[in-house]
Amino acid sequence: MYSSQLELRQRLIYATHSSKSRSSELFSLEDLITINFLSKFRNLFAMFKMKGQINIDFVVSFGLFLVVLIYIFNFFNDYWIAFGDYHKTIAKQVKAMDIASILVTLPGYWNAGSNSGYDWENHIDNVKIIGLAQVSDPFILSQEKINALNNSLNYSLLKEIWGTYNDYAICISNCTNGCTDNCDIAKIGEFNVSVIKGKIARYVLINNSGALYRAKVEVFVI
């Protein structure tokens, strides 16, 4: 055996650059077995080192992929939530416009089998459509119909007639001396301003026993 690893290494280098016959002269059979073992051990070590490097690269790449995937998921999740809220707001705004248009342009309608008419304020139990306009002029509202809406119809019945599952509110304010939102003419429904999604206002004239005055009709859908 050799006295040091340095001597063995020198002989190995020399043998690499020498002919096969010269190598067999320098090394005994025991030397060749030792050299072969060391060479295989070195190759095995290099292989495990390479595998370890490959595993680390895979873990890092997979981790980056997960980070990007989570970011994309959160982005689209926030987008779809915002889009859903926007869609609901638009739907409620459309519903508010629909209710306001019916109130200020139609006289309303009641039906009881063979009998029917537009004076639903006198037939509360059989009302089918609630409108506040006069029959003769759809742009002037009837004070009698407004009073019936404000005092005679319950909240659940109004939701059923208008075909809405959403909460709503109606505010009619006098605009004779400037429009306010005090709902001094009529106030119907639930007023929770912090959660109102749909809102529409219509400016009208109201006929109160022949006297006309300006007013604002607001419809809120929650």
C-alpha atoms as a PDB file:
ATOM      1  CA  MET A   1       0.000   0.000   0.000  1.00  0.00           C
ATOM      2  CA  TYR A   2       1.065   3.551  -0.531  1.00  0.00           C
ATOM      3  CA  SER A   3       2.368   5.740   2.229  1.00  0.00           C
ATOM      4  CA  SER A   4       0.024   8.597   1.369  1.00  0.00           C
ATOM      5  CA  GLN A   5      -2.913   9.493  -0.802  1.00  0.00           C
ATOM      6  CA  LEU A   6      -0.695  12.011  -2.582  1.00  0.00           C
ATOM      7  CA  GLU A   7       1.594   9.240  -3.817  1.00  0.00           C
ATOM      8  CA  LEU A   8      -1.388   7.207  -5.065  1.00  0.00           C
ATOM      9  CA  ARG A   9      -2.794  10.259  -6.835  1.00  0.00           C
ATOM     10  CA  GLN A  10       0.529  10.983  -8.530  1.00  0.00           C
ATOM     11  CA  ARG A  11       0.770   7.438  -9.765  1.00  0.00           C
ATOM     12  CA  LEU A  12      -2.822   7.556 -11.020  1.00  0.00           C
ATOM     13  CA  ILE A  13      -2.161  10.755 -12.979  1.00  0.00           C
ATOM     14  CA  TYR A  14       0.986   9.309 -14.421  1.00  0.00           C
ATOM     15  CA  ALA A  15      -0.814   6.126 -15.431  1.00  0.00           C
ATOM     16  CA  THR A  16      -3.526   8.098 -17.183  1.00  0.00           C
ATOM     17  CA  HIS A  17      -1.001   9.696 -19.481  1.00  0.00           C
ATOM     18  CA  SER A  18       1.008   6.527 -20.045  1.00  0.00           C
ATOM     19  CA  SER A  19       0.508   3.473 -22.175  1.00  0.00           C
ATOM     20  CA  LYS A  20      -1.353   0.406 -20.961  1.00  0.00           C
ATOM     21  CA  SER A  21       1.832  -1.593 -20.614  1.00  0.00           C
ATOM     22  CA  ARG A  22       3.509   1.173 -18.655  1.00  0.00           C
ATOM     23  CA  SER A  23       0.540   1.338 -16.293  1.00  0.00           C
ATOM     24  CA  SER A  24       0.715  -2.385 -15.585  1.00  0.00           C
ATOM     25  CA  GLU A  25       4.396  -2.002 -14.708  1.00  0.00           C
ATOM     26  CA  LEU A  26       3.695   0.827 -12.223  1.00  0.00           C
ATOM     27  CA  PHE A  27       0.685  -0.737 -10.463  1.00  0.00           C
ATOM     28  CA  SER A  28       0.140  -4.114  -8.946  1.00  0.00           C
ATOM     29  CA  LEU A  29      -3.202  -5.971  -9.064  1.00  0.00           C
ATOM     30  CA  GLU A  30      -4.014  -4.645  -5.596  1.00  0.00           C
ATOM     31  CA  ASP A  31      -3.269  -1.109  -6.788  1.00  0.00           C
ATOM     32  CA  LEU A  32      -5.586  -1.463  -9.771  1.00  0.00           C
ATOM     33  CA  ILE A  33      -8.422  -2.799  -7.585  1.00  0.00           C
ATOM     34  CA  THR A  34      -7.989   0.144  -5.213  1.00  0.00           C
ATOM     35  CA  ILE A  35      -7.940   2.646  -8.083  1.00  0.00           C
ATOM     36  CA  ASN A  36     -11.021   1.061  -9.635  1.00  0.00           C
ATOM     37  CA  PHE A  37     -12.879   1.212  -6.311  1.00  0.00           C
ATOM     38  CA  LEU A  38     -11.982   4.871  -5.777  1.00  0.00           C
ATOM     39  CA  SER A  39     -13.028   5.725  -9.318  1.00  0.00           C
ATOM     40  CA  LYS A  40     -16.435   4.069  -8.901  1.00  0.00           C
ATOM     41  CA  PHE A  41     -16.921   5.715  -5.519  1.00  0.00           C
ATOM     42  CA  ARG A  42     -16.176   9.116  -7.031  1.00  0.00           C
ATOM     43  CA  ASN A  43     -18.648   8.503  -9.861  1.00  0.00           C
ATOM     44  CA  LEU A  44     -21.288   7.360  -7.380  1.00  0.00           C
ATOM     45  CA  PHE A  45     -20.755  10.470  -5.251  1.00  0.00           C
ATOM     46  CA  ALA A  46     -21.058  12.706  -8.316  1.00  0.00           C
ATOM     47  CA  MET A  47     -24.300  10.971  -9.294  1.00  0.00           C
ATOM     48  CA  PHE A  48     -25.874  11.501  -5.871  1.00  0.00           C
ATOM     49  CA  LYS A  49     -24.712  15.114  -5.868  1.00  0.00           C
ATOM     50  CA  MET A  50     -26.342  15.671  -9.260  1.00  0.00           C
ATOM     51  CA  LYS A  51     -29.587  14.046  -8.099  1.00  0.00           C
ATOM     52  CA  GLY A  52     -29.621  16.287  -5.052  1.00  0.00           C
ATOM     53  CA  GLN A  53     -29.175  19.320  -7.281  1.00  0.00           C
ATOM     54  CA  ILE A  54     -32.012  18.136  -9.522  1.00  0.00           C
ATOM     55  CA  ASN A  55     -34.301  17.665  -6.497  1.00  0.00           C
ATOM     56  CA  ILE A  56     -33.549  21.174  -5.225  1.00  0.00           C
ATOM     57  CA  ASP A  57     -34.230  22.673  -8.657  1.00  0.00           C
ATOM     58  CA  PHE A  58     -37.538  20.795  -8.858  1.00  0.00           C
ATOM     59  CA  VAL A  59     -38.644  21.950  -5.397  1.00  0.00           C
ATOM     60  CA  VAL A  60     -37.772  25.591  -6.169  1.00  0.00           C
ATOM     61  CA  SER A  61     -39.522  25.483  -9.566  1.00  0.00           C
ATOM     62  CA  PHE A  62     -42.615  23.821  -8.126  1.00  0.00           C
ATOM     63  CA  GLY A  63     -42.734  26.359  -5.296  1.00  0.00           C
ATOM     64  CA  LEU A  64     -42.592  29.260  -7.756  1.00  0.00           C
ATOM     65  CA  PHE A  65     -45.328  27.619  -9.818  1.00  0.00           C
ATOM     66  CA  LEU A  66     -47.570  27.354  -6.733  1.00  0.00           C
ATOM     67  CA  VAL A  67     -46.964  31.010  -5.855  1.00  0.00           C
ATOM     68  CA  VAL A  68     -47.940  32.126  -9.370  1.00  0.00           C
ATOM     69  CA  LEU A  69     -50.972  29.809  -9.365  1.00  0.00           C
ATOM     70  CA  ILE A  70     -52.217  31.147  -6.003  1.00  0.00           C
ATOM     71  CA  TYR A  71     -51.740  34.747  -7.207  1.00  0.00           C
ATOM     72  CA  ILE A  72     -53.745  34.079 -10.393  1.00  0.00           C
ATOM     73  CA  PHE A  73     -56.505  32.336  -8.407  1.00  0.00           C
ATOM     74  CA  ASN A  74     -56.800  35.225  -5.934  1.00  0.00           C
ATOM     75  CA  PHE A  75     -56.840  37.760  -8.779  1.00  0.00           C
ATOM     76  CA  PHE A  76     -59.673  36.066 -10.634  1.00  0.00           C
ATOM     77  CA  ASN A  77     -61.536  35.334  -7.397  1.00  0.00           C
ATOM     78  CA  ASP A  78     -61.503  39.037  -6.471  1.00  0.00           C
ATOM     79  CA  TYR A  79     -62.469  39.915 -10.047  1.00  0.00           C
ATOM     80  CA  TRP A  80     -65.469  37.586 -10.084  1.00  0.00           C
ATOM     81  CA  ILE A  81     -66.634  38.798  -6.662  1.00  0.00           C
ATOM     82  CA  ALA A  82     -66.428  42.415  -7.844  1.00  0.00           C
ATOM     83  CA  PHE A  83     -68.158  41.512 -11.099  1.00  0.00           C
ATOM     84  CA  GLY A  84     -70.936  39.718  -9.205  1.00  0.00           C
ATOM     85  CA  ASP A  85     -71.493  42.719  -6.932  1.00  0.00           C
ATOM     86  CA  TYR A  86     -71.555  45.032  -9.944  1.00  0.00           C
ATOM     87  CA  HIS A  87     -74.084  42.805 -11.709  1.00  0.00           C
ATOM     88  CA  LYS A  88     -76.344  42.766  -8.631  1.00  0.00           C
ATOM     89  CA  THR A  89     -76.120  46.557  -8.345  1.00  0.00           C
ATOM     90  CA  ILE A  90     -77.102  47.001 -11.997  1.00  0.00           C
ATOM     91  CA  ALA A  91     -80.027  44.576 -11.582  1.00  0.00           C
ATOM     92  CA  LYS A  92     -81.308  46.497  -8.567  1.00  0.00           C
ATOM     93  CA  GLN A  93     -80.897  49.799 -10.373  1.00  0.00           C
ATOM     94  CA  VAL A  94     -82.979  48.457 -13.265  1.00  0.00           C
ATOM     95  CA  LYS A  95     -85.636  47.259 -10.810  1.00  0.00           C
ATOM     96  CA  ALA A  96     -85.768  50.701  -9.188  1.00  0.00           C
ATOM     97  CA  MET A  97     -86.255  52.300 -12.623  1.00  0.00           C
ATOM     98  CA  ASP A  98     -89.002  49.799 -13.439  1.00  0.00           C
ATOM     99  CA  ILE A  99     -90.943  50.510 -10.235  1.00  0.00           C
ATOM    100  CA  ALA A 100     -90.534  54.282 -10.621  1.00  0.00           C
ATOM    101  CA  SER A 101     -91.751  54.192 -14.234  1.00  0.00           C
ATOM    102  CA  ILE A 102     -94.865  52.215 -13.286  1.00  0.00           C
ATOM    103  CA  LEU A 103     -95.649  54.556 -10.394  1.00  0.00           C
ATOM    104  CA  VAL A 104     -95.425  57.820 -12.333  1.00  0.00           C
ATOM    105  CA  THR A 105     -96.770  56.758 -15.761  1.00  0.00           C
ATOM    106  CA  LEU A 106     -99.572  54.257 -15.023  1.00  0.00           C
ATOM    107  CA  PRO A 107    -102.838  54.771 -13.123  1.00  0.00           C
ATOM    108  CA  GLY A 108    -102.788  51.233 -11.736  1.00  0.00           C
ATOM    109  CA  TYR A 109    -105.337  48.484 -12.149  1.00  0.00           C
ATOM    110  CA  TRP A 110    -107.632  46.264 -10.093  1.00  0.00           C
ATOM    111  CA  ASN A 111    -109.554  43.154 -11.106  1.00  0.00           C
ATOM    112  CA  ALA A 112    -112.229  41.123  -9.349  1.00  0.00           C
ATOM    113  CA  GLY A 113    -113.501  38.613 -11.862  1.00  0.00           C
ATOM    114  CA  SER A 114    -115.939  40.371 -14.163  1.00  0.00           C
ATOM    115  CA  ASN A 115    -115.262  43.749 -12.559  1.00  0.00           C
ATOM    116  CA  SER A 116    -112.107  45.804 -13.024  1.00  0.00           C
ATOM    117  CA  GLY A 117    -110.933  49.371 -13.269  1.00  0.00           C
ATOM    118  CA  TYR A 118    -108.169  51.886 -12.700  1.00  0.00           C
ATOM    119  CA  ASP A 119    -109.350  53.240  -9.351  1.00  0.00           C
ATOM    120  CA  TRP A 120    -107.454  50.607  -7.385  1.00  0.00           C
ATOM    121  CA  GLU A 121    -107.276  52.952  -4.375  1.00  0.00           C
ATOM    122  CA  ASN A 122    -110.948  52.074  -3.825  1.00  0.00           C
ATOM    123  CA  HIS A 123    -110.405  48.332  -4.305  1.00  0.00           C
ATOM    124  CA  ILE A 124    -107.315  47.581  -2.249  1.00  0.00           C
ATOM    125  CA  ASP A 125    -108.095  43.872  -1.861  1.00  0.00           C
ATOM    126  CA  ASN A 126    -108.101  43.316  -5.625  1.00  0.00           C
ATOM    127  CA  VAL A 127    -105.236  45.524  -6.764  1.00  0.00           C
ATOM    128  CA  LYS A 128    -103.047  44.064  -9.533  1.00  0.00           C
ATOM    129  CA  ILE A 129    -100.928  47.014 -10.636  1.00  0.00           C
ATOM    130  CA  ILE A 130    -100.016  49.992  -8.500  1.00  0.00           C
ATOM    131  CA  GLY A 131     -99.696  53.254 -10.365  1.00  0.00           C
ATOM    132  CA  LEU A 132    -100.069  56.816  -9.131  1.00  0.00           C
ATOM    133  CA  ALA A 133    -100.828  58.625 -12.368  1.00  0.00           C
ATOM    134  CA  GLN A 134    -104.181  60.057 -13.267  1.00  0.00           C
ATOM    135  CA  VAL A 135    -106.085  58.221 -15.964  1.00  0.00           C
ATOM    136  CA  SER A 136    -106.459  61.405 -17.993  1.00  0.00           C
ATOM    137  CA  ASP A 137    -102.846  62.539 -17.673  1.00  0.00           C
ATOM    138  CA  PRO A 138     -99.996  60.061 -17.027  1.00  0.00           C
ATOM    139  CA  PHE A 139     -97.619  62.863 -16.043  1.00  0.00           C
ATOM    140  CA  ILE A 140     -99.733  64.144 -13.155  1.00  0.00           C
ATOM    141  CA  LEU A 141    -100.092  62.003 -10.037  1.00  0.00           C
ATOM    142  CA  SER A 142    -103.254  61.528  -8.006  1.00  0.00           C
ATOM    143  CA  GLN A 143    -103.128  62.547  -4.348  1.00  0.00           C
ATOM    144  CA  GLU A 144    -105.772  59.886  -3.544  1.00  0.00           C
ATOM    145  CA  LYS A 145    -103.651  57.125  -5.025  1.00  0.00           C
ATOM    146  CA  ILE A 146    -100.583  58.366  -3.135  1.00  0.00           C
ATOM    147  CA  ASN A 147    -102.534  58.320   0.135  1.00  0.00           C
ATOM    148  CA  ALA A 148    -103.715  54.757  -0.543  1.00  0.00           C
ATOM    149  CA  LEU A 149    -100.161  53.641  -1.294  1.00  0.00           C
ATOM    150  CA  ASN A 150     -98.874  55.282   1.873  1.00  0.00           C
ATOM    151  CA  ASN A 151    -101.592  54.117   4.263  1.00  0.00           C
ATOM    152  CA  SER A 152    -103.540  51.139   2.936  1.00  0.00           C
ATOM    153  CA  LEU A 153    -101.057  48.696   1.355  1.00  0.00           C
ATOM    154  CA  ASN A 154     -98.724  46.548   3.412  1.00  0.00           C
ATOM    155  CA  TYR A 155     -95.063  46.059   2.626  1.00  0.00           C
ATOM    156  CA  SER A 156     -95.218  42.350   1.684  1.00  0.00           C
ATOM    157  CA  LEU A 157     -98.145  42.882  -0.697  1.00  0.00           C
ATOM    158  CA  LEU A 158     -96.259  45.622  -2.518  1.00  0.00           C
ATOM    159  CA  LYS A 159     -93.239  43.345  -2.983  1.00  0.00           C
ATOM    160  CA  GLU A 160     -95.490  40.658  -4.406  1.00  0.00           C
ATOM    161  CA  ILE A 161     -97.235  43.057  -6.799  1.00  0.00           C
ATOM    162  CA  TRP A 162     -93.944  44.483  -8.057  1.00  0.00           C
ATOM    163  CA  GLY A 163     -92.409  41.042  -8.341  1.00  0.00           C
ATOM    164  CA  THR A 164     -89.288  41.722  -6.308  1.00  0.00           C
ATOM    165  CA  TYR A 165     -87.588  39.735  -3.561  1.00  0.00           C
ATOM    166  CA  ASN A 166     -85.414  42.691  -2.648  1.00  0.00           C
ATOM    167  CA  ASP A 167     -86.283  45.164   0.058  1.00  0.00           C
ATOM    168  CA  TYR A 168     -87.310  48.547  -1.255  1.00  0.00           C
ATOM    169  CA  ALA A 169     -88.337  52.031  -0.176  1.00  0.00           C
ATOM    170  CA  ILE A 170     -90.373  54.822  -1.748  1.00  0.00           C
ATOM    171  CA  CYS A 171     -89.998  58.449  -0.771  1.00  0.00           C
ATOM    172  CA  ILE A 172     -92.240  61.225  -2.131  1.00  0.00           C
ATOM    173  CA  SER A 173     -91.181  64.741  -1.169  1.00  0.00           C
ATOM    174  CA  ASN A 174     -92.752  68.140  -1.756  1.00  0.00           C
ATOM    175  CA  CYS A 175     -90.747  70.378  -4.090  1.00  0.00           C
ATOM    176  CA  THR A 176     -92.907  73.497  -3.889  1.00  0.00           C
ATOM    177  CA  ASN A 177     -90.211  75.432  -2.026  1.00  0.00           C
ATOM    178  CA  GLY A 178     -87.250  73.413  -3.214  1.00  0.00           C
ATOM    179  CA  CYS A 179     -86.813  69.665  -3.283  1.00  0.00           C
ATOM    180  CA  THR A 180     -85.739  67.872  -0.136  1.00  0.00           C
ATOM    181  CA  ASP A 181     -85.519  64.228   0.828  1.00  0.00           C
ATOM    182  CA  ASN A 182     -87.734  64.441   3.893  1.00  0.00           C
ATOM    183  CA  CYS A 183     -90.471  62.177   2.415  1.00  0.00           C
ATOM    184  CA  ASP A 184     -93.140  64.544   3.757  1.00  0.00           C
ATOM    185  CA  ILE A 185     -95.795  63.330   1.288  1.00  0.00           C
ATOM    186  CA  ALA A 186     -95.246  59.573   1.521  1.00  0.00           C
ATOM    187  CA  LYS A 187     -92.733  57.169   2.974  1.00  0.00           C
ATOM    188  CA  ILE A 188     -93.074  53.449   2.285  1.00  0.00           C
ATOM    189  CA  GLY A 189     -90.703  50.553   2.897  1.00  0.00           C
ATOM    190  CA  GLU A 190     -87.322  49.994   4.487  1.00  0.00           C
ATOM    191  CA  PHE A 191     -84.843  52.869   4.614  1.00  0.00           C
ATOM    192  CA  ASN A 192     -81.344  51.556   5.182  1.00  0.00           C
ATOM    193  CA  VAL A 193     -79.262  54.022   3.223  1.00  0.00           C
ATOM    194  CA  SER A 194     -75.964  52.232   3.872  1.00  0.00           C
ATOM    195  CA  VAL A 195     -76.997  49.184   1.817  1.00  0.00           C
ATOM    196  CA  ILE A 196     -79.035  50.816  -0.971  1.00  0.00           C
ATOM    197  CA  LYS A 197     -77.922  49.484  -4.367  1.00  0.00           C
ATOM    198  CA  GLY A 198     -80.529  50.852  -6.771  1.00  0.00           C
ATOM    199  CA  LYS A 199     -81.862  54.411  -6.693  1.00  0.00           C
ATOM    200  CA  ILE A 200     -83.904  56.461  -9.129  1.00  0.00           C
ATOM    201  CA  ALA A 201     -85.732  59.801  -8.874  1.00  0.00           C
ATOM    202  CA  ARG A 202     -88.598  61.199 -10.931  1.00  0.00           C
ATOM    203  CA  TYR A 203     -89.905  64.773 -10.776  1.00  0.00           C
ATOM    204  CA  VAL A 204     -93.673  65.053 -11.135  1.00  0.00           C
ATOM    205  CA  LEU A 205     -96.755  67.149 -10.572  1.00  0.00           C
ATOM    206  CA  ILE A 206     -99.361  66.039  -8.032  1.00  0.00           C
ATOM    207  CA  ASN A 207    -103.032  66.938  -8.273  1.00  0.00           C
ATOM    208  CA  ASN A 208    -104.489  67.605  -4.852  1.00  0.00           C
ATOM    209  CA  SER A 209    -108.172  68.423  -5.342  1.00  0.00           C
ATOM    210  CA  GLY A 210    -107.432  70.503  -8.418  1.00  0.00           C
ATOM    211  CA  ALA A 211    -104.324  72.206  -7.046  1.00  0.00           C
ATOM    212  CA  LEU A 212    -101.054  71.139  -8.662  1.00  0.00           C
ATOM    213  CA  TYR A 213     -97.720  71.130  -6.882  1.00  0.00           C
ATOM    214  CA  ARG A 214     -94.255  69.827  -7.739  1.00  0.00           C
ATOM    215  CA  ALA A 215     -92.839  66.756  -6.065  1.00  0.00           C
ATOM    216  CA  LYS A 216     -90.041  64.240  -6.281  1.00  0.00           C
ATOM    217  CA  VAL A 217     -90.643  60.491  -6.296  1.00  0.00           C
ATOM    218  CA  GLU A 218     -87.635  58.370  -5.266  1.00  0.00           C
ATOM    219  CA  VAL A 219     -87.445  54.612  -5.397  1.00  0.00           C
ATOM    220  CA  PHE A 220     -84.721  52.665  -3.576  1.00  0.00           C
ATOM    221  CA  VAL A 221     -83.944  48.964  -3.969  1.00  0.00           C
ATOM    222  CA  ILE A 222     -81.776  47.367  -1.283  1.00  0.00           C
END
